[in-house]
Amino acid sequence: MPGAYASLVTALTPNTTYFFDAWATGHGFATGGIMSFRTMVLPMLYGTPGATARVEGTLGTNGWYISNVTVTLIASDSLPFVAWIHYVVDDGGWLNYTAPFTLQDGKHNLAFYAFDASRSPPERNHHANVSVDTTPPVVRLEAPAQAVTSSFPIRWTGSDAGSGIAGYEIQVDDGPFQTVGFATNLTLVLADGLHTFAVRATDLAGNAETQTRSVSVDTNLFGVFGPFAGLPLFLLLNALAIAVTVLVLRRRRKGKRTLKDTRSAPMPTDPK
């Protein structure tokens, strides 16, 4: 029959090796006999796996990258166990991380976590949002007429399939760019002469594209490139040509009449 026994219960600290002794006395043993044995207890070792992400690329504005991005995932553990990382990008499947990978244009959602060989509970998922836009916007500036008056409108269109248009700017000749917001038309007032003007579109990532046009301004009514495209000058020259022609014809007719009158006059007699 079992006799009395005593036990010791105490809390054990994880990741620590313990030894304990046990002994027995009584039936089956010599008088005063003691059975003694030692057992080694090795509690389960648990690590603390962890993972971090390093994102490398050219950072633009508003948190966007304007170059392709390289992502490096780094695993760590509190014990000398090998740690691994699982990751997923956007709506793809979970992958075992083996080497740095590249993210191209688009808005990406990256999730990842680490685990180790000790069967420790894996850490919670880490999340990182990475936005990449390496493509500048498209801007189209309508070509003006070959010649215009001092006040004339300009129009343009723009689009951006990545981060989106952030706004437009206008430059005239060598002046500074002036912000016009999201407007797509503007009336310029310029002095006579040859001018250049440009429209620059910028997206939210900081990419920009510029288109330039040239125009000749001529406000002279008689100028070939004036408001009436040289019509007053043409009419004036035409009127002068007609006047000169009429004058020449009149002189020719007058000359013919004088010559005719001279021929028809009687010859004078010689008085003796």
C-alpha atoms as a PDB file:
ATOM      1  CA  MET A   1       0.000   0.000   0.000  1.00  0.00           C
ATOM      2  CA  PRO A   2       1.282   3.397  -0.692  1.00  0.00           C
ATOM      3  CA  GLY A   3       2.697   5.228   2.242  1.00  0.00           C
ATOM      4  CA  ALA A   4       2.989   8.867   2.989  1.00  0.00           C
ATOM      5  CA  TYR A   5       4.743  11.070   0.506  1.00  0.00           C
ATOM      6  CA  ALA A   6       5.716  14.641   0.190  1.00  0.00           C
ATOM      7  CA  SER A   7       5.953  16.789  -2.899  1.00  0.00           C
ATOM      8  CA  LEU A   8       7.305  20.163  -3.749  1.00  0.00           C
ATOM      9  CA  VAL A   9       5.540  22.306  -6.300  1.00  0.00           C
ATOM     10  CA  THR A  10       7.151  25.482  -7.529  1.00  0.00           C
ATOM     11  CA  ALA A  11       7.008  27.648 -10.582  1.00  0.00           C
ATOM     12  CA  LEU A  12       9.661  27.021 -13.200  1.00  0.00           C
ATOM     13  CA  THR A  13      11.312  29.707 -15.277  1.00  0.00           C
ATOM     14  CA  PRO A  14      11.211  29.097 -19.026  1.00  0.00           C
ATOM     15  CA  ASN A  15      14.452  28.467 -20.894  1.00  0.00           C
ATOM     16  CA  THR A  16      16.142  27.109 -17.731  1.00  0.00           C
ATOM     17  CA  THR A  17      17.475  23.579 -16.985  1.00  0.00           C
ATOM     18  CA  TYR A  18      16.555  22.039 -13.596  1.00  0.00           C
ATOM     19  CA  PHE A  19      17.677  18.936 -11.609  1.00  0.00           C
ATOM     20  CA  PHE A  20      15.707  17.315  -8.778  1.00  0.00           C
ATOM     21  CA  ASP A  21      16.228  14.393  -6.358  1.00  0.00           C
ATOM     22  CA  ALA A  22      13.686  11.870  -5.044  1.00  0.00           C
ATOM     23  CA  TRP A  23      14.055   9.096  -2.445  1.00  0.00           C
ATOM     24  CA  ALA A  24      11.874   6.345  -0.934  1.00  0.00           C
ATOM     25  CA  THR A  25      11.886   4.310   2.323  1.00  0.00           C
ATOM     26  CA  GLY A  26       9.741   1.478   3.613  1.00  0.00           C
ATOM     27  CA  HIS A  27       8.609  -1.968   2.458  1.00  0.00           C
ATOM     28  CA  GLY A  28      10.927  -3.807   0.158  1.00  0.00           C
ATOM     29  CA  PHE A  29      13.988  -1.955   1.321  1.00  0.00           C
ATOM     30  CA  ALA A  30      16.491  -2.884   3.966  1.00  0.00           C
ATOM     31  CA  THR A  31      15.995  -1.376   7.336  1.00  0.00           C
ATOM     32  CA  GLY A  32      16.720   2.224   6.935  1.00  0.00           C
ATOM     33  CA  GLY A  33      17.225   1.645   3.235  1.00  0.00           C
ATOM     34  CA  ILE A  34      16.879   4.608   0.970  1.00  0.00           C
ATOM     35  CA  MET A  35      16.322   4.494  -2.766  1.00  0.00           C
ATOM     36  CA  SER A  36      17.683   7.617  -4.340  1.00  0.00           C
ATOM     37  CA  PHE A  37      17.672   8.691  -7.954  1.00  0.00           C
ATOM     38  CA  ARG A  38      18.207  11.886  -9.870  1.00  0.00           C
ATOM     39  CA  THR A  39      16.218  12.998 -12.876  1.00  0.00           C
ATOM     40  CA  MET A  40      17.055  15.887 -15.164  1.00  0.00           C
ATOM     41  CA  VAL A  41      14.193  18.090 -16.244  1.00  0.00           C
ATOM     42  CA  LEU A  42      14.589  20.158 -19.390  1.00  0.00           C
ATOM     43  CA  PRO A  43      11.665  22.532 -19.838  1.00  0.00           C
ATOM     44  CA  MET A  44      10.571  23.419 -23.370  1.00  0.00           C
ATOM     45  CA  LEU A  45      12.622  26.291 -24.777  1.00  0.00           C
ATOM     46  CA  TYR A  46      10.706  29.114 -26.413  1.00  0.00           C
ATOM     47  CA  GLY A  47      12.243  31.840 -28.516  1.00  0.00           C
ATOM     48  CA  THR A  48      10.854  35.202 -29.514  1.00  0.00           C
ATOM     49  CA  PRO A  49      11.060  35.489 -33.302  1.00  0.00           C
ATOM     50  CA  GLY A  50      10.746  38.890 -34.923  1.00  0.00           C
ATOM     51  CA  ALA A  51      10.963  40.486 -38.351  1.00  0.00           C
ATOM     52  CA  THR A  52      11.586  43.954 -39.725  1.00  0.00           C
ATOM     53  CA  ALA A  53      11.408  45.401 -43.237  1.00  0.00           C
ATOM     54  CA  ARG A  54      13.910  47.723 -44.923  1.00  0.00           C
ATOM     55  CA  VAL A  55      12.500  49.663 -47.884  1.00  0.00           C
ATOM     56  CA  GLU A  56      15.016  51.303 -50.232  1.00  0.00           C
ATOM     57  CA  GLY A  57      14.229  53.661 -53.106  1.00  0.00           C
ATOM     58  CA  THR A  58      14.066  57.316 -54.132  1.00  0.00           C
ATOM     59  CA  LEU A  59      11.441  59.016 -52.013  1.00  0.00           C
ATOM     60  CA  GLY A  60       9.349  61.675 -53.755  1.00  0.00           C
ATOM     61  CA  THR A  61       6.516  63.612 -52.149  1.00  0.00           C
ATOM     62  CA  ASN A  62       3.427  62.630 -50.152  1.00  0.00           C
ATOM     63  CA  GLY A  63       5.003  59.309 -49.165  1.00  0.00           C
ATOM     64  CA  TRP A  64       5.414  58.105 -52.763  1.00  0.00           C
ATOM     65  CA  TYR A  65       8.588  56.560 -54.159  1.00  0.00           C
ATOM     66  CA  ILE A  66       9.620  57.742 -57.641  1.00  0.00           C
ATOM     67  CA  SER A  67      11.870  54.751 -58.324  1.00  0.00           C
ATOM     68  CA  ASN A  68      11.431  51.016 -58.088  1.00  0.00           C
ATOM     69  CA  VAL A  69      11.681  49.895 -54.459  1.00  0.00           C
ATOM     70  CA  THR A  70      13.786  47.073 -53.026  1.00  0.00           C
ATOM     71  CA  VAL A  71      12.352  45.377 -49.921  1.00  0.00           C
ATOM     72  CA  THR A  72      14.616  43.453 -47.555  1.00  0.00           C
ATOM     73  CA  LEU A  73      13.053  41.436 -44.711  1.00  0.00           C
ATOM     74  CA  ILE A  74      15.244  40.767 -41.674  1.00  0.00           C
ATOM     75  CA  ALA A  75      14.530  37.986 -39.130  1.00  0.00           C
ATOM     76  CA  SER A  76      15.712  37.866 -35.518  1.00  0.00           C
ATOM     77  CA  ASP A  77      15.242  35.580 -32.499  1.00  0.00           C
ATOM     78  CA  SER A  78      15.987  35.754 -28.781  1.00  0.00           C
ATOM     79  CA  LEU A  79      17.505  32.245 -28.909  1.00  0.00           C
ATOM     80  CA  PRO A  80      20.077  30.764 -31.274  1.00  0.00           C
ATOM     81  CA  PHE A  81      17.396  29.256 -33.474  1.00  0.00           C
ATOM     82  CA  VAL A  82      17.005  29.762 -37.161  1.00  0.00           C
ATOM     83  CA  ALA A  83      14.166  32.189 -37.870  1.00  0.00           C
ATOM     84  CA  TRP A  84      12.181  32.329 -41.084  1.00  0.00           C
ATOM     85  CA  ILE A  85       9.842  34.893 -42.572  1.00  0.00           C
ATOM     86  CA  HIS A  86       6.639  34.442 -44.505  1.00  0.00           C
ATOM     87  CA  TYR A  87       5.347  37.380 -46.533  1.00  0.00           C
ATOM     88  CA  VAL A  88       2.611  38.313 -48.966  1.00  0.00           C
ATOM     89  CA  VAL A  89       2.287  41.264 -51.369  1.00  0.00           C
ATOM     90  CA  ASP A  90      -1.172  42.601 -52.229  1.00  0.00           C
ATOM     91  CA  ASP A  91      -3.518  39.748 -53.145  1.00  0.00           C
ATOM     92  CA  GLY A  92      -0.822  37.161 -53.852  1.00  0.00           C
ATOM     93  CA  GLY A  93      -0.138  33.995 -51.883  1.00  0.00           C
ATOM     94  CA  TRP A  94       2.098  33.675 -48.843  1.00  0.00           C
ATOM     95  CA  LEU A  95       5.746  33.076 -49.735  1.00  0.00           C
ATOM     96  CA  ASN A  96       8.833  31.980 -47.835  1.00  0.00           C
ATOM     97  CA  TYR A  97      11.275  34.893 -47.870  1.00  0.00           C
ATOM     98  CA  THR A  98      14.655  34.015 -49.376  1.00  0.00           C
ATOM     99  CA  ALA A  99      16.039  37.234 -50.901  1.00  0.00           C
ATOM    100  CA  PRO A 100      15.227  40.937 -51.389  1.00  0.00           C
ATOM    101  CA  PHE A 101      12.460  41.629 -53.905  1.00  0.00           C
ATOM    102  CA  THR A 102      11.376  44.617 -55.998  1.00  0.00           C
ATOM    103  CA  LEU A 103       8.115  46.558 -56.007  1.00  0.00           C
ATOM    104  CA  GLN A 104       7.230  48.512 -59.148  1.00  0.00           C
ATOM    105  CA  ASP A 105       4.564  51.128 -59.947  1.00  0.00           C
ATOM    106  CA  GLY A 106       1.426  50.906 -57.854  1.00  0.00           C
ATOM    107  CA  LYS A 107       0.115  51.046 -54.291  1.00  0.00           C
ATOM    108  CA  HIS A 108       1.197  47.887 -52.481  1.00  0.00           C
ATOM    109  CA  ASN A 109       0.255  46.284 -49.173  1.00  0.00           C
ATOM    110  CA  LEU A 110       2.998  44.133 -47.658  1.00  0.00           C
ATOM    111  CA  ALA A 111       2.363  41.715 -44.767  1.00  0.00           C
ATOM    112  CA  PHE A 112       4.996  39.524 -43.091  1.00  0.00           C
ATOM    113  CA  TYR A 113       5.786  37.630 -39.886  1.00  0.00           C
ATOM    114  CA  ALA A 114       8.650  35.578 -38.416  1.00  0.00           C
ATOM    115  CA  PHE A 115       8.747  32.103 -36.840  1.00  0.00           C
ATOM    116  CA  ASP A 116      11.543  29.809 -35.652  1.00  0.00           C
ATOM    117  CA  ALA A 117      12.441  26.138 -35.189  1.00  0.00           C
ATOM    118  CA  SER A 118      11.460  25.993 -31.519  1.00  0.00           C
ATOM    119  CA  ARG A 119       7.783  25.859 -32.401  1.00  0.00           C
ATOM    120  CA  SER A 120       7.392  29.173 -30.652  1.00  0.00           C
ATOM    121  CA  PRO A 121       4.158  30.942 -31.464  1.00  0.00           C
ATOM    122  CA  PRO A 122       4.767  33.099 -34.561  1.00  0.00           C
ATOM    123  CA  GLU A 123       4.609  36.823 -34.093  1.00  0.00           C
ATOM    124  CA  ARG A 124       1.655  38.829 -35.308  1.00  0.00           C
ATOM    125  CA  ASN A 125       1.639  40.049 -38.878  1.00  0.00           C
ATOM    126  CA  HIS A 126       3.486  43.238 -39.668  1.00  0.00           C
ATOM    127  CA  HIS A 127       1.987  45.492 -42.343  1.00  0.00           C
ATOM    128  CA  ALA A 128       3.612  48.108 -44.557  1.00  0.00           C
ATOM    129  CA  ASN A 129       2.113  50.216 -47.326  1.00  0.00           C
ATOM    130  CA  VAL A 130       4.486  51.069 -50.180  1.00  0.00           C
ATOM    131  CA  SER A 131       3.414  53.434 -52.983  1.00  0.00           C
ATOM    132  CA  VAL A 132       5.519  53.639 -56.155  1.00  0.00           C
ATOM    133  CA  ASP A 133       5.080  56.014 -59.118  1.00  0.00           C
ATOM    134  CA  THR A 134       8.018  56.241 -61.518  1.00  0.00           C
ATOM    135  CA  THR A 135       6.096  57.655 -64.491  1.00  0.00           C
ATOM    136  CA  PRO A 136       5.653  61.414 -65.046  1.00  0.00           C
ATOM    137  CA  PRO A 137       2.223  62.764 -65.986  1.00  0.00           C
ATOM    138  CA  VAL A 138       1.146  63.386 -69.568  1.00  0.00           C
ATOM    139  CA  VAL A 139       0.454  67.017 -70.562  1.00  0.00           C
ATOM    140  CA  ARG A 140      -0.720  68.250 -73.973  1.00  0.00           C
ATOM    141  CA  LEU A 141      -0.607  71.954 -74.774  1.00  0.00           C
ATOM    142  CA  GLU A 142      -2.711  73.033 -77.739  1.00  0.00           C
ATOM    143  CA  ALA A 143      -0.770  74.830 -80.452  1.00  0.00           C
ATOM    144  CA  PRO A 144      -1.906  78.466 -80.872  1.00  0.00           C
ATOM    145  CA  ALA A 145      -2.423  80.174 -84.199  1.00  0.00           C
ATOM    146  CA  GLN A 146       0.711  81.185 -86.082  1.00  0.00           C
ATOM    147  CA  ALA A 147       0.099  84.780 -85.073  1.00  0.00           C
ATOM    148  CA  VAL A 148      -2.190  86.302 -82.500  1.00  0.00           C
ATOM    149  CA  THR A 149      -3.147  89.611 -80.970  1.00  0.00           C
ATOM    150  CA  SER A 150      -1.860  90.684 -77.564  1.00  0.00           C
ATOM    151  CA  SER A 151      -4.609  88.798 -75.701  1.00  0.00           C
ATOM    152  CA  PHE A 152      -5.193  85.148 -76.539  1.00  0.00           C
ATOM    153  CA  PRO A 153      -6.274  81.959 -74.718  1.00  0.00           C
ATOM    154  CA  ILE A 154      -4.174  78.843 -74.225  1.00  0.00           C
ATOM    155  CA  ARG A 155      -5.583  75.409 -73.386  1.00  0.00           C
ATOM    156  CA  TRP A 156      -4.070  72.143 -72.219  1.00  0.00           C
ATOM    157  CA  THR A 157      -4.953  68.709 -70.859  1.00  0.00           C
ATOM    158  CA  GLY A 158      -3.151  66.436 -68.415  1.00  0.00           C
ATOM    159  CA  SER A 159      -3.437  62.959 -66.939  1.00  0.00           C
ATOM    160  CA  ASP A 160      -1.530  60.654 -64.605  1.00  0.00           C
ATOM    161  CA  ALA A 161      -2.265  56.958 -64.154  1.00  0.00           C
ATOM    162  CA  GLY A 162      -0.173  56.605 -60.991  1.00  0.00           C
ATOM    163  CA  SER A 163      -0.441  58.973 -58.058  1.00  0.00           C
ATOM    164  CA  GLY A 164      -2.651  61.485 -59.912  1.00  0.00           C
ATOM    165  CA  ILE A 165      -2.277  65.112 -60.987  1.00  0.00           C
ATOM    166  CA  ALA A 166      -1.284  67.509 -58.189  1.00  0.00           C
ATOM    167  CA  GLY A 167      -1.566  70.704 -60.253  1.00  0.00           C
ATOM    168  CA  TYR A 168      -0.317  72.808 -63.176  1.00  0.00           C
ATOM    169  CA  GLU A 169       2.092  75.709 -63.576  1.00  0.00           C
ATOM    170  CA  ILE A 170       2.552  78.269 -66.369  1.00  0.00           C
ATOM    171  CA  GLN A 171       5.769  79.930 -67.532  1.00  0.00           C
ATOM    172  CA  VAL A 172       6.043  82.788 -70.050  1.00  0.00           C
ATOM    173  CA  ASP A 173       9.393  83.374 -71.763  1.00  0.00           C
ATOM    174  CA  ASP A 174      12.129  83.117 -69.108  1.00  0.00           C
ATOM    175  CA  GLY A 175       9.922  84.060 -66.168  1.00  0.00           C
ATOM    176  CA  PRO A 176       9.210  81.879 -63.142  1.00  0.00           C
ATOM    177  CA  PHE A 177       6.566  79.167 -63.169  1.00  0.00           C
ATOM    178  CA  GLN A 178       3.267  80.375 -61.732  1.00  0.00           C
ATOM    179  CA  THR A 179       0.827  77.964 -60.081  1.00  0.00           C
ATOM    180  CA  VAL A 180      -2.651  77.823 -61.631  1.00  0.00           C
ATOM    181  CA  GLY A 181      -4.037  74.886 -59.624  1.00  0.00           C
ATOM    182  CA  PHE A 182      -6.154  72.476 -61.640  1.00  0.00           C
ATOM    183  CA  ALA A 183      -7.132  75.023 -64.322  1.00  0.00           C
ATOM    184  CA  THR A 184      -6.719  73.826 -67.915  1.00  0.00           C
ATOM    185  CA  ASN A 185      -6.992  77.169 -69.721  1.00  0.00           C
ATOM    186  CA  LEU A 186      -5.650  80.676 -69.302  1.00  0.00           C
ATOM    187  CA  THR A 187      -5.664  83.972 -71.220  1.00  0.00           C
ATOM    188  CA  LEU A 188      -2.254  85.528 -71.803  1.00  0.00           C
ATOM    189  CA  VAL A 189      -1.609  89.204 -72.550  1.00  0.00           C
ATOM    190  CA  LEU A 190       1.728  89.740 -74.281  1.00  0.00           C
ATOM    191  CA  ALA A 191       3.555  92.548 -76.044  1.00  0.00           C
ATOM    192  CA  ASP A 192       4.413  92.411 -79.736  1.00  0.00           C
ATOM    193  CA  GLY A 193       7.169  89.989 -80.617  1.00  0.00           C
ATOM    194  CA  LEU A 194       8.050  86.308 -80.459  1.00  0.00           C
ATOM    195  CA  HIS A 195       7.230  84.578 -77.162  1.00  0.00           C
ATOM    196  CA  THR A 196       7.450  81.103 -75.666  1.00  0.00           C
ATOM    197  CA  PHE A 197       5.159  79.719 -72.988  1.00  0.00           C
ATOM    198  CA  ALA A 198       5.158  76.408 -71.162  1.00  0.00           C
ATOM    199  CA  VAL A 199       2.785  74.292 -69.088  1.00  0.00           C
ATOM    200  CA  ARG A 200       4.185  71.988 -66.417  1.00  0.00           C
ATOM    201  CA  ALA A 201       2.109  69.179 -64.877  1.00  0.00           C
ATOM    202  CA  THR A 202       3.199  67.663 -61.546  1.00  0.00           C
ATOM    203  CA  ASP A 203       1.800  64.514 -59.937  1.00  0.00           C
ATOM    204  CA  LEU A 204       1.406  63.714 -56.248  1.00  0.00           C
ATOM    205  CA  ALA A 205       4.651  61.744 -56.227  1.00  0.00           C
ATOM    206  CA  GLY A 206       6.654  64.743 -57.469  1.00  0.00           C
ATOM    207  CA  ASN A 207       7.144  63.658 -61.093  1.00  0.00           C
ATOM    208  CA  ALA A 208       6.763  66.514 -63.595  1.00  0.00           C
ATOM    209  CA  GLU A 209       6.375  66.935 -67.356  1.00  0.00           C
ATOM    210  CA  THR A 210       6.607  70.198 -69.347  1.00  0.00           C
ATOM    211  CA  GLN A 211       5.426  71.137 -72.839  1.00  0.00           C
ATOM    212  CA  THR A 212       6.427  74.367 -74.588  1.00  0.00           C
ATOM    213  CA  ARG A 213       4.956  76.368 -77.486  1.00  0.00           C
ATOM    214  CA  SER A 214       6.005  79.521 -79.362  1.00  0.00           C
ATOM    215  CA  VAL A 215       3.806  82.316 -80.654  1.00  0.00           C
ATOM    216  CA  SER A 216       4.282  85.607 -82.497  1.00  0.00           C
ATOM    217  CA  VAL A 217       2.272  88.590 -81.261  1.00  0.00           C
ATOM    218  CA  ASP A 218       1.588  91.399 -83.770  1.00  0.00           C
ATOM    219  CA  THR A 219      -0.941  94.118 -82.943  1.00  0.00           C
ATOM    220  CA  ASN A 220      -0.064  96.333 -85.963  1.00  0.00           C
ATOM    221  CA  LEU A 221      -3.180  96.704 -88.111  1.00  0.00           C
ATOM    222  CA  PHE A 222      -1.040  96.744 -91.231  1.00  0.00           C
ATOM    223  CA  GLY A 223       1.289  93.992 -90.105  1.00  0.00           C
ATOM    224  CA  VAL A 224       1.364  90.770 -92.062  1.00  0.00           C
ATOM    225  CA  PHE A 225       0.796  88.867 -88.802  1.00  0.00           C
ATOM    226  CA  GLY A 226      -1.508  91.481 -87.289  1.00  0.00           C
ATOM    227  CA  PRO A 227      -5.101  91.106 -86.148  1.00  0.00           C
ATOM    228  CA  PHE A 228      -6.402  91.107 -89.743  1.00  0.00           C
ATOM    229  CA  ALA A 229      -3.607  88.946 -91.122  1.00  0.00           C
ATOM    230  CA  GLY A 230      -2.266  91.734 -93.332  1.00  0.00           C
ATOM    231  CA  LEU A 231      -5.596  92.498 -95.026  1.00  0.00           C
ATOM    232  CA  PRO A 232      -5.413  96.287 -94.424  1.00  0.00           C
ATOM    233  CA  LEU A 233      -1.909  96.356 -95.873  1.00  0.00           C
ATOM    234  CA  PHE A 234      -3.048  94.307 -98.835  1.00  0.00           C
ATOM    235  CA  LEU A 235      -5.969  96.647 -99.473  1.00  0.00           C
ATOM    236  CA  LEU A 236      -3.744  99.694 -99.106  1.00  0.00           C
ATOM    237  CA  LEU A 237      -1.151  98.343-101.495  1.00  0.00           C
ATOM    238  CA  ASN A 238      -3.870  97.314-103.891  1.00  0.00           C
ATOM    239  CA  ALA A 239      -5.388 100.806-103.765  1.00  0.00           C
ATOM    240  CA  LEU A 240      -1.988 102.363-104.365  1.00  0.00           C
ATOM    241  CA  ALA A 241      -1.405 100.062-107.293  1.00  0.00           C
ATOM    242  CA  ILE A 242      -4.770 101.012-108.796  1.00  0.00           C
ATOM    243  CA  ALA A 243      -4.071 104.707-108.258  1.00  0.00           C
ATOM    244  CA  VAL A 244      -0.671 104.436-109.918  1.00  0.00           C
ATOM    245  CA  THR A 245      -2.158 102.493-112.808  1.00  0.00           C
ATOM    246  CA  VAL A 246      -4.882 105.098-113.326  1.00  0.00           C
ATOM    247  CA  LEU A 247      -2.319 107.898-113.200  1.00  0.00           C
ATOM    248  CA  VAL A 248      -0.093 106.175-115.724  1.00  0.00           C
ATOM    249  CA  LEU A 249      -3.023 105.549-118.072  1.00  0.00           C
ATOM    250  CA  ARG A 250      -4.127 109.153-117.853  1.00  0.00           C
ATOM    251  CA  ARG A 251      -0.646 110.374-118.656  1.00  0.00           C
ATOM    252  CA  ARG A 252      -0.406 108.063-121.619  1.00  0.00           C
ATOM    253  CA  ARG A 253      -3.750 109.254-122.975  1.00  0.00           C
ATOM    254  CA  LYS A 254      -2.764 112.881-122.489  1.00  0.00           C
ATOM    255  CA  GLY A 255       0.506 112.253-124.295  1.00  0.00           C
ATOM    256  CA  LYS A 256      -1.276 110.666-127.258  1.00  0.00           C
ATOM    257  CA  ARG A 257      -3.692 113.579-127.588  1.00  0.00           C
ATOM    258  CA  THR A 258      -0.860 116.117-127.571  1.00  0.00           C
ATOM    259  CA  LEU A 259       0.997 114.226-130.281  1.00  0.00           C
ATOM    260  CA  LYS A 260      -2.158 113.964-132.419  1.00  0.00           C
ATOM    261  CA  ASP A 261      -2.904 117.672-132.136  1.00  0.00           C
ATOM    262  CA  THR A 262       0.643 118.459-133.153  1.00  0.00           C
ATOM    263  CA  ARG A 263       0.422 116.337-136.298  1.00  0.00           C
ATOM    264  CA  SER A 264      -2.913 117.739-137.457  1.00  0.00           C
ATOM    265  CA  ALA A 265      -1.981 121.423-137.113  1.00  0.00           C
ATOM    266  CA  PRO A 266      -1.322 123.284-140.566  1.00  0.00           C
ATOM    267  CA  MET A 267       2.205 123.967-141.496  1.00  0.00           C
ATOM    268  CA  PRO A 268       3.025 127.663-141.195  1.00  0.00           C
ATOM    269  CA  THR A 269       3.693 129.561-144.542  1.00  0.00           C
ATOM    270  CA  ASP A 270       6.870 131.391-145.194  1.00  0.00           C
ATOM    271  CA  PRO A 271       6.042 135.061-145.711  1.00  0.00           C
ATOM    272  CA  LYS A 272       8.058 136.817-148.365  1.00  0.00           C
END
